Structure formats: structure tokens, C-alpha cells
Amino acid sequence: LTAVYGQTLADVELPTGWTWADSTVSVGNVGEQTHKANFAGSDNYAAASNVDVTVTVSQSGATMTAQSDKSEYTYGEPVIITVSGITPSGVATPTRNTFSLTAPTENQVAIWNGNTQLTEPQTVTGSDLTFTVTGLTVGEYTLTARFTGNDNMAATSAEVKFTVNKAAQDTFSITGQPADDIASGDTFTLGTT
């Protein structure tokens, strides 16, 4: 019998006359897992309960979502990206990272711009992951959160799109009054507020 990580025994079909002792139980992690089943009996065989049945569990795909806290930012403002819902079901191909940051390992997520890794990786713990991206120049961005996968879930990715706009120019005023008789080459002091 076979199953995919993330399924319950209700998703695994038994032969006629057999039922799972508890069909709501998870099939378990990747590999061979033993579960209990009951046989109702037939003309030729007696009923049996709590019989060990082996289920071979394979790796599932995985899905996740990524979103920024808003769709537009001002130059110099940090971009906050939240990655959530890393669960079994889709599949994607992991890609390389840059060498200035720690390479993501199994069960980790990092944020990428194309083939450039922008954040240190974070380990998936079941909670949402929050990343802060700084140093982006003015422009439109499609960043990718990439999950490396693990023994039970395949690698996957999710995109987040946003725009970084120009920052407003700081305003200032010049204070001070030079003497009336300044000659070429003379120096004087002005202040700003």
C-alpha cells in the first residue's frame, strides 16, 4: 500500500473487507510505516482486528505563500516579507545561492531576487517566517521565497511583487549672513536647519 506524506489513512484504500482501525490517523513520515487495520472476515477467513499493515509513504510536494506588508515602499524603507503556509502539495526546483550569505539547507526558506539570495535562511518551524529586505533601489520587484524541502516535503517557492518608489527630497534652509565685504577667496560659515 502506498501514500503521500500529509495524507491520512482514509486516503489509503484497503482491499475489500478491510478497514483502518482509525482512518483519521496521519500516514506518517516518508518511509515504511506500520498501522492497524481490521478484517471483517469472509467465507474462507476469520475476522481479525488490529492487524499490522505496512504503508509506504513517499515525499509530497509543498506549497507556501509569500507577501509583503504593503505593495509600495519608499527608497530606503525596509521591505517586510512574510512566508506562511508551508504545507504538503506542490513541487518546485531549488536553485543556487550567492556566497555572501549562508546557503539554505534542508527545511529552510530564504528570499531571492532572481539568482541573488537577499536574506539569511530561516528554518521552518510551523509558524510564519518574517524576513526584512533592505538596500533595494527604486523599481518594481518580484522576489521569491524559496523553501529547500525536507524528507517529507519537496522544495517549493512563492513570489511576492511590490514597488520601491523614490524618496522625497529632504528640505533644508541655509542660515547665516556673510559680511558685506567678502573678497574672492575669503571664507565664511553658513548653517543649515
N, C-alpha and C. Protein backbone atom coordinates (compact mmCIF):
# COMPACT_ATOMS: atom_id res chain seq x y z
N LEU A 1 0.84 -1.18 0.00
CA LEU A 1 0.00 0.00 0.00
C LEU A 1 0.88 1.23 0.00
N THR A 2 0.45 2.28 -0.70
CA THR A 2 1.25 3.50 -0.80
C THR A 2 0.43 4.71 -0.40
N ALA A 3 1.16 5.74 0.05
CA ALA A 3 0.54 7.01 0.42
C ALA A 3 1.56 8.11 0.20
N VAL A 4 1.09 9.34 0.32
CA VAL A 4 1.95 10.52 0.19
C VAL A 4 1.93 11.25 1.52
N TYR A 5 3.10 11.75 1.95
CA TYR A 5 3.20 12.49 3.20
C TYR A 5 2.11 13.56 3.26
N GLY A 6 1.46 13.68 4.40
CA GLY A 6 0.39 14.66 4.57
C GLY A 6 -1.00 14.04 4.48
N GLN A 7 -1.10 12.83 3.95
CA GLN A 7 -2.40 12.16 3.86
C GLN A 7 -2.74 11.49 5.19
N THR A 8 -4.01 11.09 5.30
CA THR A 8 -4.43 10.26 6.43
C THR A 8 -4.72 8.86 5.89
N LEU A 9 -4.93 7.91 6.79
CA LEU A 9 -5.23 6.55 6.35
C LEU A 9 -6.52 6.48 5.54
N ALA A 10 -7.43 7.43 5.75
CA ALA A 10 -8.67 7.48 4.95
C ALA A 10 -8.37 7.61 3.46
N ASP A 11 -7.18 8.16 3.13
CA ASP A 11 -6.79 8.33 1.72
C ASP A 11 -6.17 7.06 1.13
N VAL A 12 -5.91 6.06 1.97
CA VAL A 12 -5.27 4.82 1.53
C VAL A 12 -6.32 3.73 1.45
N GLU A 13 -6.54 3.22 0.24
CA GLU A 13 -7.59 2.23 0.02
C GLU A 13 -7.10 0.83 0.39
N LEU A 14 -7.87 0.17 1.23
CA LEU A 14 -7.59 -1.21 1.62
C LEU A 14 -8.39 -2.18 0.75
N PRO A 15 -7.98 -3.44 0.68
CA PRO A 15 -8.77 -4.43 -0.07
C PRO A 15 -10.15 -4.62 0.56
N THR A 16 -11.05 -5.22 -0.20
CA THR A 16 -12.42 -5.48 0.26
C THR A 16 -12.41 -6.25 1.57
N GLY A 17 -13.23 -5.80 2.51
CA GLY A 17 -13.35 -6.46 3.80
C GLY A 17 -12.45 -5.88 4.87
N TRP A 18 -11.52 -5.03 4.48
CA TRP A 18 -10.58 -4.42 5.42
C TRP A 18 -10.98 -2.97 5.71
N THR A 19 -10.76 -2.54 6.95
CA THR A 19 -10.95 -1.14 7.34
C THR A 19 -9.81 -0.75 8.28
N TRP A 20 -9.50 0.51 8.28
CA TRP A 20 -8.47 1.00 9.20
C TRP A 20 -9.04 1.06 10.61
N ALA A 21 -8.23 0.74 11.59
CA ALA A 21 -8.66 0.84 12.99
C ALA A 21 -9.02 2.29 13.32
N ASP A 22 -8.26 3.24 12.77
CA ASP A 22 -8.56 4.67 12.92
C ASP A 22 -8.14 5.37 11.64
N SER A 23 -9.08 5.63 10.76
CA SER A 23 -8.76 6.21 9.44
C SER A 23 -8.37 7.68 9.50
N THR A 24 -8.51 8.32 10.67
CA THR A 24 -8.13 9.74 10.78
C THR A 24 -6.65 9.93 11.09
N VAL A 25 -5.93 8.85 11.33
CA VAL A 25 -4.51 8.92 11.67
C VAL A 25 -3.70 9.30 10.44
N SER A 26 -2.69 10.15 10.65
CA SER A 26 -1.75 10.51 9.58
C SER A 26 -0.99 9.28 9.12
N VAL A 27 -0.65 9.24 7.82
CA VAL A 27 0.14 8.11 7.31
C VAL A 27 1.56 8.15 7.85
N GLY A 28 2.01 9.31 8.35
CA GLY A 28 3.34 9.42 8.94
C GLY A 28 4.36 9.98 7.97
N ASN A 29 5.61 9.89 8.38
CA ASN A 29 6.72 10.43 7.60
C ASN A 29 7.11 9.50 6.45
N VAL A 30 7.94 9.99 5.55
CA VAL A 30 8.41 9.23 4.40
C VAL A 30 9.10 7.95 4.89
N GLY A 31 8.80 6.85 4.22
CA GLY A 31 9.37 5.55 4.56
C GLY A 31 8.25 4.55 4.79
N GLU A 32 8.62 3.39 5.32
CA GLU A 32 7.61 2.38 5.61
C GLU A 32 7.06 2.61 7.01
N GLN A 33 5.73 2.72 7.10
CA GLN A 33 5.05 2.98 8.36
C GLN A 33 4.05 1.86 8.62
N THR A 34 3.94 1.45 9.87
CA THR A 34 3.02 0.37 10.24
C THR A 34 1.79 0.97 10.92
N HIS A 35 0.60 0.54 10.45
CA HIS A 35 -0.67 0.99 11.00
C HIS A 35 -1.56 -0.22 11.27
N LYS A 36 -2.59 -0.02 12.06
CA LYS A 36 -3.52 -1.10 12.44
C LYS A 36 -4.75 -1.07 11.55
N ALA A 37 -5.17 -2.29 11.13
CA ALA A 37 -6.37 -2.45 10.31
C ALA A 37 -7.16 -3.64 10.84
N ASN A 38 -8.44 -3.67 10.48
CA ASN A 38 -9.34 -4.76 10.89
C ASN A 38 -9.88 -5.46 9.65
N PHE A 39 -10.03 -6.78 9.75
CA PHE A 39 -10.61 -7.56 8.67
C PHE A 39 -11.95 -8.10 9.15
N ALA A 40 -13.01 -7.89 8.38
CA ALA A 40 -14.37 -8.27 8.76
C ALA A 40 -14.59 -9.77 8.67
N GLY A 41 -13.74 -10.47 7.97
CA GLY A 41 -13.93 -11.91 7.78
C GLY A 41 -14.61 -12.18 6.46
N SER A 42 -14.52 -13.42 6.02
CA SER A 42 -15.16 -13.84 4.77
C SER A 42 -15.57 -15.30 4.89
N ASP A 43 -16.07 -15.87 3.80
CA ASP A 43 -16.46 -17.28 3.81
C ASP A 43 -15.27 -18.17 4.14
N ASN A 44 -14.08 -17.74 3.78
CA ASN A 44 -12.90 -18.59 3.94
C ASN A 44 -11.99 -18.18 5.11
N TYR A 45 -12.09 -16.93 5.57
CA TYR A 45 -11.17 -16.45 6.59
C TYR A 45 -11.92 -15.83 7.76
N ALA A 46 -11.38 -16.04 8.96
CA ALA A 46 -11.98 -15.48 10.17
C ALA A 46 -11.68 -13.99 10.27
N ALA A 47 -12.53 -13.29 10.99
CA ALA A 47 -12.31 -11.86 11.24
C ALA A 47 -11.03 -11.69 12.07
N ALA A 48 -10.39 -10.53 11.90
CA ALA A 48 -9.17 -10.22 12.66
C ALA A 48 -9.17 -8.73 12.96
N SER A 49 -8.63 -8.36 14.11
CA SER A 49 -8.57 -6.94 14.45
C SER A 49 -7.15 -6.56 14.83
N ASN A 50 -6.87 -5.28 14.67
CA ASN A 50 -5.55 -4.70 14.98
C ASN A 50 -4.40 -5.44 14.31
N VAL A 51 -4.58 -5.71 13.02
CA VAL A 51 -3.55 -6.36 12.22
C VAL A 51 -2.57 -5.29 11.74
N ASP A 52 -1.27 -5.56 11.86
CA ASP A 52 -0.25 -4.62 11.37
C ASP A 52 -0.25 -4.61 9.85
N VAL A 53 -0.38 -3.41 9.27
CA VAL A 53 -0.36 -3.23 7.82
C VAL A 53 0.69 -2.19 7.51
N THR A 54 1.58 -2.48 6.56
CA THR A 54 2.65 -1.56 6.19
C THR A 54 2.20 -0.66 5.05
N VAL A 55 2.43 0.63 5.23
CA VAL A 55 2.13 1.63 4.20
C VAL A 55 3.44 2.31 3.84
N THR A 56 3.76 2.34 2.55
CA THR A 56 4.97 3.01 2.08
C THR A 56 4.61 4.46 1.75
N VAL A 57 5.20 5.40 2.51
CA VAL A 57 4.88 6.82 2.37
C VAL A 57 5.97 7.50 1.54
N SER A 58 5.56 8.21 0.50
CA SER A 58 6.51 8.94 -0.34
C SER A 58 6.43 10.44 -0.05
N GLN A 59 7.43 11.15 -0.53
CA GLN A 59 7.53 12.60 -0.32
C GLN A 59 6.41 13.31 -1.07
N SER A 60 5.82 14.31 -0.43
CA SER A 60 4.81 15.12 -1.09
C SER A 60 5.47 16.35 -1.70
N GLY A 61 4.73 17.04 -2.49
CA GLY A 61 5.15 18.37 -2.88
C GLY A 61 4.89 19.29 -1.70
N ALA A 62 5.06 20.58 -1.88
CA ALA A 62 4.78 21.53 -0.81
C ALA A 62 4.26 22.82 -1.43
N THR A 63 3.48 23.56 -0.68
CA THR A 63 3.03 24.88 -1.12
C THR A 63 3.29 25.88 -0.01
N MET A 64 3.40 27.14 -0.38
CA MET A 64 3.53 28.21 0.60
C MET A 64 3.11 29.51 -0.05
N THR A 65 2.91 30.54 0.76
CA THR A 65 2.60 31.86 0.24
C THR A 65 3.62 32.84 0.79
N ALA A 66 3.84 33.90 0.03
CA ALA A 66 4.73 34.97 0.47
C ALA A 66 4.03 36.29 0.17
N GLN A 67 4.12 37.22 1.11
CA GLN A 67 3.51 38.52 0.88
C GLN A 67 4.31 39.59 1.59
N SER A 68 4.33 40.78 0.99
CA SER A 68 4.97 41.91 1.64
C SER A 68 3.91 42.65 2.44
N ASP A 69 4.35 43.45 3.39
CA ASP A 69 3.38 44.13 4.25
C ASP A 69 2.64 45.24 3.52
N LYS A 70 3.12 45.66 2.35
CA LYS A 70 2.39 46.61 1.51
C LYS A 70 2.91 46.49 0.08
N SER A 71 2.25 47.15 -0.86
CA SER A 71 2.62 46.99 -2.26
C SER A 71 3.59 48.05 -2.76
N GLU A 72 3.74 49.16 -2.04
CA GLU A 72 4.66 50.21 -2.44
C GLU A 72 5.48 50.67 -1.25
N TYR A 73 6.75 50.90 -1.50
CA TYR A 73 7.69 51.36 -0.47
C TYR A 73 8.40 52.58 -0.98
N THR A 74 9.01 53.32 -0.08
CA THR A 74 9.84 54.46 -0.42
C THR A 74 11.29 54.02 -0.33
N TYR A 75 12.11 54.53 -1.24
CA TYR A 75 13.53 54.18 -1.24
C TYR A 75 14.11 54.34 0.16
N GLY A 76 14.86 53.33 0.60
CA GLY A 76 15.47 53.34 1.91
C GLY A 76 14.62 52.67 2.99
N GLU A 77 13.35 52.45 2.70
CA GLU A 77 12.45 51.81 3.65
C GLU A 77 12.62 50.29 3.57
N PRO A 78 12.71 49.59 4.71
CA PRO A 78 12.85 48.13 4.64
C PRO A 78 11.56 47.47 4.15
N VAL A 79 11.71 46.40 3.38
CA VAL A 79 10.58 45.62 2.88
C VAL A 79 10.42 44.42 3.81
N ILE A 80 9.22 44.25 4.34
CA ILE A 80 8.93 43.13 5.24
C ILE A 80 8.16 42.08 4.44
N ILE A 81 8.70 40.86 4.39
CA ILE A 81 8.07 39.76 3.66
C ILE A 81 7.75 38.66 4.65
N THR A 82 6.50 38.20 4.62
CA THR A 82 6.07 37.11 5.49
C THR A 82 5.80 35.89 4.64
N VAL A 83 6.39 34.76 5.03
CA VAL A 83 6.19 33.49 4.36
C VAL A 83 5.35 32.62 5.28
N SER A 84 4.27 32.04 4.73
CA SER A 84 3.40 31.22 5.58
C SER A 84 2.84 30.04 4.81
N GLY A 85 2.25 29.15 5.56
CA GLY A 85 1.51 28.03 4.98
C GLY A 85 2.37 27.02 4.26
N ILE A 86 3.56 26.72 4.78
CA ILE A 86 4.37 25.68 4.14
C ILE A 86 3.75 24.34 4.51
N THR A 87 3.05 23.78 3.52
CA THR A 87 2.32 22.53 3.73
C THR A 87 2.53 21.61 2.55
N PRO A 88 2.27 20.32 2.72
CA PRO A 88 2.42 19.41 1.60
C PRO A 88 1.49 19.76 0.45
N SER A 89 1.97 19.74 -0.77
CA SER A 89 1.20 19.67 -2.01
C SER A 89 1.81 20.21 -3.28
N GLY A 90 2.63 21.10 -3.57
CA GLY A 90 3.14 21.44 -4.89
C GLY A 90 4.60 21.09 -5.00
N VAL A 91 5.23 21.28 -6.12
CA VAL A 91 6.65 20.95 -6.28
C VAL A 91 7.36 22.06 -7.04
N ALA A 92 8.58 22.37 -6.66
CA ALA A 92 9.40 23.35 -7.39
C ALA A 92 10.85 22.91 -7.31
N THR A 93 11.69 23.53 -8.13
CA THR A 93 13.10 23.15 -8.18
C THR A 93 13.94 24.16 -7.44
N PRO A 94 14.75 23.72 -6.47
CA PRO A 94 15.63 24.67 -5.77
C PRO A 94 16.74 25.16 -6.69
N THR A 95 17.26 26.35 -6.45
CA THR A 95 18.35 26.88 -7.25
C THR A 95 19.49 27.34 -6.36
N ARG A 96 20.57 27.80 -6.97
CA ARG A 96 21.78 28.14 -6.24
C ARG A 96 21.63 29.43 -5.44
N ASN A 97 22.54 29.63 -4.52
CA ASN A 97 22.54 30.85 -3.72
C ASN A 97 23.85 31.61 -3.97
N THR A 98 23.93 32.83 -3.46
CA THR A 98 25.18 33.59 -3.55
C THR A 98 26.05 33.20 -2.36
N PHE A 99 27.31 33.60 -2.38
CA PHE A 99 28.23 33.18 -1.34
C PHE A 99 28.37 34.19 -0.21
N SER A 100 27.71 35.34 -0.30
CA SER A 100 27.82 36.33 0.77
C SER A 100 26.88 36.01 1.94
N LEU A 101 25.95 35.11 1.76
CA LEU A 101 25.00 34.71 2.80
C LEU A 101 25.10 33.21 3.01
N THR A 102 24.62 32.76 4.13
CA THR A 102 24.61 31.33 4.42
C THR A 102 23.67 30.62 3.45
N ALA A 103 24.14 29.53 2.86
CA ALA A 103 23.30 28.78 1.93
C ALA A 103 22.18 28.09 2.69
N PRO A 104 20.94 28.17 2.17
CA PRO A 104 19.85 27.46 2.83
C PRO A 104 20.10 25.96 2.80
N THR A 105 19.79 25.30 3.89
CA THR A 105 19.89 23.84 3.95
C THR A 105 18.49 23.27 4.08
N GLU A 106 18.40 21.97 4.29
CA GLU A 106 17.11 21.30 4.37
C GLU A 106 16.17 22.00 5.36
N ASN A 107 14.91 22.14 4.93
CA ASN A 107 13.83 22.68 5.76
C ASN A 107 14.00 24.18 6.06
N GLN A 108 14.60 24.92 5.11
CA GLN A 108 14.79 26.35 5.32
C GLN A 108 14.21 27.16 4.16
N VAL A 109 13.95 28.44 4.45
CA VAL A 109 13.43 29.39 3.46
C VAL A 109 14.36 30.59 3.43
N ALA A 110 14.61 31.12 2.24
CA ALA A 110 15.33 32.38 2.07
C ALA A 110 14.62 33.17 0.97
N ILE A 111 14.88 34.48 0.93
CA ILE A 111 14.29 35.36 -0.08
C ILE A 111 15.34 35.64 -1.15
N TRP A 112 14.91 35.58 -2.42
CA TRP A 112 15.80 35.71 -3.57
C TRP A 112 15.27 36.76 -4.54
N ASN A 113 16.18 37.42 -5.24
CA ASN A 113 15.86 38.27 -6.39
C ASN A 113 16.57 37.62 -7.57
N GLY A 114 15.82 36.86 -8.36
CA GLY A 114 16.45 36.07 -9.42
C GLY A 114 17.36 35.03 -8.78
N ASN A 115 18.66 35.01 -9.16
CA ASN A 115 19.61 34.07 -8.58
C ASN A 115 20.41 34.68 -7.45
N THR A 116 19.99 35.84 -6.95
CA THR A 116 20.70 36.51 -5.86
C THR A 116 19.93 36.32 -4.56
N GLN A 117 20.58 35.69 -3.60
CA GLN A 117 19.97 35.49 -2.28
C GLN A 117 20.04 36.80 -1.51
N LEU A 118 18.89 37.26 -0.97
CA LEU A 118 18.82 38.55 -0.29
C LEU A 118 18.79 38.45 1.24
N THR A 119 18.44 37.30 1.78
CA THR A 119 18.30 37.17 3.23
C THR A 119 19.01 35.92 3.73
N GLU A 120 19.32 35.92 5.00
CA GLU A 120 19.78 34.70 5.65
C GLU A 120 18.60 33.73 5.68
N PRO A 121 18.86 32.43 5.56
CA PRO A 121 17.76 31.47 5.62
C PRO A 121 17.20 31.33 7.03
N GLN A 122 15.92 30.97 7.08
CA GLN A 122 15.25 30.68 8.35
C GLN A 122 14.68 29.27 8.28
N THR A 123 14.71 28.57 9.40
CA THR A 123 14.21 27.20 9.47
C THR A 123 12.70 27.21 9.68
N VAL A 124 12.01 26.35 8.93
CA VAL A 124 10.56 26.21 9.04
C VAL A 124 10.24 25.50 10.35
N THR A 125 9.39 26.13 11.16
CA THR A 125 9.03 25.57 12.46
C THR A 125 7.53 25.37 12.60
N GLY A 126 6.77 25.68 11.58
CA GLY A 126 5.32 25.60 11.67
C GLY A 126 4.66 26.95 11.83
N SER A 127 5.44 27.97 12.17
CA SER A 127 4.92 29.34 12.30
C SER A 127 5.30 30.13 11.05
N ASP A 128 4.65 31.29 10.87
CA ASP A 128 5.03 32.17 9.77
C ASP A 128 6.47 32.63 9.96
N LEU A 129 7.17 32.85 8.86
CA LEU A 129 8.53 33.38 8.90
C LEU A 129 8.48 34.81 8.39
N THR A 130 9.19 35.73 9.02
CA THR A 130 9.22 37.13 8.60
C THR A 130 10.64 37.50 8.23
N PHE A 131 10.79 38.07 7.04
CA PHE A 131 12.09 38.50 6.53
C PHE A 131 12.08 40.00 6.32
N THR A 132 13.19 40.68 6.57
CA THR A 132 13.34 42.09 6.28
C THR A 132 14.39 42.23 5.19
N VAL A 133 14.00 42.86 4.09
CA VAL A 133 14.91 43.08 2.96
C VAL A 133 15.23 44.56 2.90
N THR A 134 16.50 44.91 2.90
CA THR A 134 16.91 46.32 2.83
C THR A 134 17.83 46.51 1.63
N GLY A 135 18.08 47.76 1.30
CA GLY A 135 19.02 48.09 0.24
C GLY A 135 18.49 47.98 -1.17
N LEU A 136 17.18 47.87 -1.35
CA LEU A 136 16.62 47.80 -2.70
C LEU A 136 16.57 49.18 -3.31
N THR A 137 16.93 49.28 -4.57
CA THR A 137 16.87 50.55 -5.28
C THR A 137 15.45 50.77 -5.82
N VAL A 138 15.20 51.95 -6.36
CA VAL A 138 13.89 52.29 -6.92
C VAL A 138 13.58 51.35 -8.08
N GLY A 139 12.36 50.83 -8.12
CA GLY A 139 11.94 49.96 -9.21
C GLY A 139 10.86 48.99 -8.79
N GLU A 140 10.42 48.16 -9.76
CA GLU A 140 9.42 47.12 -9.49
C GLU A 140 10.16 45.82 -9.22
N TYR A 141 9.67 45.06 -8.25
CA TYR A 141 10.35 43.83 -7.85
C TYR A 141 9.39 42.66 -7.83
N THR A 142 9.91 41.50 -8.21
CA THR A 142 9.27 40.22 -7.98
C THR A 142 10.32 39.38 -7.26
N LEU A 143 10.17 39.27 -5.94
CA LEU A 143 11.09 38.47 -5.14
C LEU A 143 10.48 37.10 -4.91
N THR A 144 11.33 36.12 -4.67
CA THR A 144 10.88 34.75 -4.50
C THR A 144 11.32 34.21 -3.15
N ALA A 145 10.36 33.66 -2.41
CA ALA A 145 10.67 32.91 -1.19
C ALA A 145 10.84 31.46 -1.62
N ARG A 146 12.01 30.88 -1.32
CA ARG A 146 12.28 29.50 -1.74
C ARG A 146 12.45 28.60 -0.53
N PHE A 147 11.65 27.55 -0.50
CA PHE A 147 11.72 26.51 0.53
C PHE A 147 12.56 25.37 -0.02
N THR A 148 13.57 24.93 0.73
CA THR A 148 14.51 23.91 0.25
C THR A 148 13.94 22.51 0.29
N GLY A 149 12.84 22.31 1.01
CA GLY A 149 12.27 20.98 1.13
C GLY A 149 12.89 20.23 2.30
N ASN A 150 12.36 19.04 2.55
CA ASN A 150 12.90 18.16 3.59
C ASN A 150 12.55 16.74 3.21
N ASP A 151 12.77 15.79 4.10
CA ASP A 151 12.49 14.39 3.77
C ASP A 151 11.03 14.16 3.41
N ASN A 152 10.13 14.96 3.98
CA ASN A 152 8.70 14.74 3.78
C ASN A 152 8.06 15.64 2.73
N MET A 153 8.63 16.81 2.49
CA MET A 153 8.03 17.76 1.54
C MET A 153 9.06 18.23 0.53
N ALA A 154 8.66 18.29 -0.73
CA ALA A 154 9.54 18.74 -1.80
C ALA A 154 9.76 20.24 -1.73
N ALA A 155 10.80 20.70 -2.37
CA ALA A 155 11.08 22.13 -2.45
C ALA A 155 9.95 22.85 -3.19
N THR A 156 9.73 24.11 -2.83
CA THR A 156 8.71 24.91 -3.50
C THR A 156 9.09 26.39 -3.38
N SER A 157 8.35 27.24 -4.05
CA SER A 157 8.62 28.67 -3.97
C SER A 157 7.32 29.46 -4.12
N ALA A 158 7.38 30.72 -3.70
CA ALA A 158 6.24 31.63 -3.85
C ALA A 158 6.80 33.03 -4.14
N GLU A 159 6.11 33.76 -5.00
CA GLU A 159 6.57 35.10 -5.39
C GLU A 159 5.80 36.18 -4.63
N VAL A 160 6.48 37.31 -4.45
CA VAL A 160 5.85 38.50 -3.88
C VAL A 160 6.26 39.69 -4.75
N LYS A 161 5.29 40.51 -5.14
CA LYS A 161 5.55 41.65 -6.03
C LYS A 161 5.27 42.94 -5.30
N PHE A 162 6.12 43.94 -5.54
CA PHE A 162 5.93 45.26 -4.93
C PHE A 162 6.79 46.26 -5.68
N THR A 163 6.61 47.54 -5.36
CA THR A 163 7.34 48.64 -6.00
C THR A 163 8.07 49.44 -4.94
N VAL A 164 9.31 49.85 -5.24
CA VAL A 164 10.04 50.79 -4.40
C VAL A 164 10.05 52.12 -5.14
N ASN A 165 9.46 53.16 -4.54
CA ASN A 165 9.37 54.48 -5.15
C ASN A 165 10.50 55.39 -4.67
N LYS A 166 10.70 56.48 -5.39
CA LYS A 166 11.70 57.47 -5.00
C LYS A 166 11.33 58.08 -3.65
N ALA A 167 12.34 58.37 -2.86
CA ALA A 167 12.11 59.04 -1.58
C ALA A 167 11.96 60.53 -1.84
N ALA A 168 11.20 61.21 -0.99
CA ALA A 168 11.07 62.66 -1.09
C ALA A 168 12.39 63.30 -0.69
N GLN A 169 12.75 64.36 -1.37
CA GLN A 169 13.98 65.08 -1.04
C GLN A 169 13.79 65.81 0.28
N ASP A 170 14.75 65.65 1.19
CA ASP A 170 14.68 66.40 2.44
C ASP A 170 14.80 67.88 2.13
N THR A 171 14.04 68.70 2.84
CA THR A 171 14.15 70.15 2.65
C THR A 171 14.98 70.73 3.78
N PHE A 172 15.70 71.76 3.48
CA PHE A 172 16.50 72.43 4.50
C PHE A 172 16.63 73.89 4.10
N SER A 173 17.03 74.71 5.05
CA SER A 173 17.25 76.12 4.75
C SER A 173 18.65 76.50 5.20
N ILE A 174 19.19 77.49 4.53
CA ILE A 174 20.54 77.96 4.85
C ILE A 174 20.40 79.20 5.73
N THR A 175 21.15 79.20 6.82
CA THR A 175 21.12 80.34 7.73
C THR A 175 22.50 80.96 7.80
N GLY A 176 22.53 82.18 8.17
CA GLY A 176 23.80 82.90 8.30
C GLY A 176 23.85 84.05 7.32
N GLN A 177 24.63 85.01 7.62
CA GLN A 177 24.75 86.19 6.76
C GLN A 177 26.24 86.52 6.64
N PRO A 178 26.79 86.41 5.45
CA PRO A 178 28.20 86.77 5.29
C PRO A 178 28.37 88.29 5.44
N ALA A 179 29.57 88.66 5.79
CA ALA A 179 29.88 90.10 5.89
C ALA A 179 29.67 90.76 4.54
N ASP A 180 29.39 92.06 4.54
CA ASP A 180 29.13 92.77 3.30
C ASP A 180 30.34 92.87 2.39
N ASP A 181 31.51 92.78 2.94
CA ASP A 181 32.68 92.99 2.10
C ASP A 181 33.52 91.72 1.97
N ILE A 182 32.94 90.70 1.40
CA ILE A 182 33.67 89.44 1.19
C ILE A 182 34.42 89.56 -0.13
N ALA A 183 35.66 89.18 -0.05
CA ALA A 183 36.50 89.20 -1.25
C ALA A 183 36.65 87.78 -1.75
N SER A 184 37.00 87.65 -3.00
CA SER A 184 37.24 86.34 -3.58
C SER A 184 38.30 85.61 -2.77
N GLY A 185 37.99 84.36 -2.43
CA GLY A 185 38.94 83.57 -1.66
C GLY A 185 38.68 83.61 -0.15
N ASP A 186 37.87 84.59 0.32
CA ASP A 186 37.55 84.65 1.76
C ASP A 186 36.64 83.47 2.12
N THR A 187 36.66 83.06 3.39
CA THR A 187 35.79 82.02 3.86
C THR A 187 34.81 82.58 4.87
N PHE A 188 33.66 81.95 4.97
CA PHE A 188 32.66 82.30 5.97
C PHE A 188 31.82 81.05 6.25
N THR A 189 31.03 81.08 7.28
CA THR A 189 30.29 79.89 7.73
C THR A 189 28.81 80.13 7.54
N LEU A 190 28.16 79.09 6.98
CA LEU A 190 26.72 79.06 6.85
C LEU A 190 26.24 77.83 7.62
N GLY A 191 25.05 77.87 8.16
CA GLY A 191 24.46 76.73 8.85
C GLY A 191 23.21 76.28 8.10
N THR A 192 22.79 75.03 8.42
CA THR A 192 21.55 74.51 7.82
C THR A 192 20.59 74.11 8.93
N THR A 193 19.31 74.24 8.66
CA THR A 193 18.28 73.78 9.59
C THR A 193 17.23 73.00 8.85
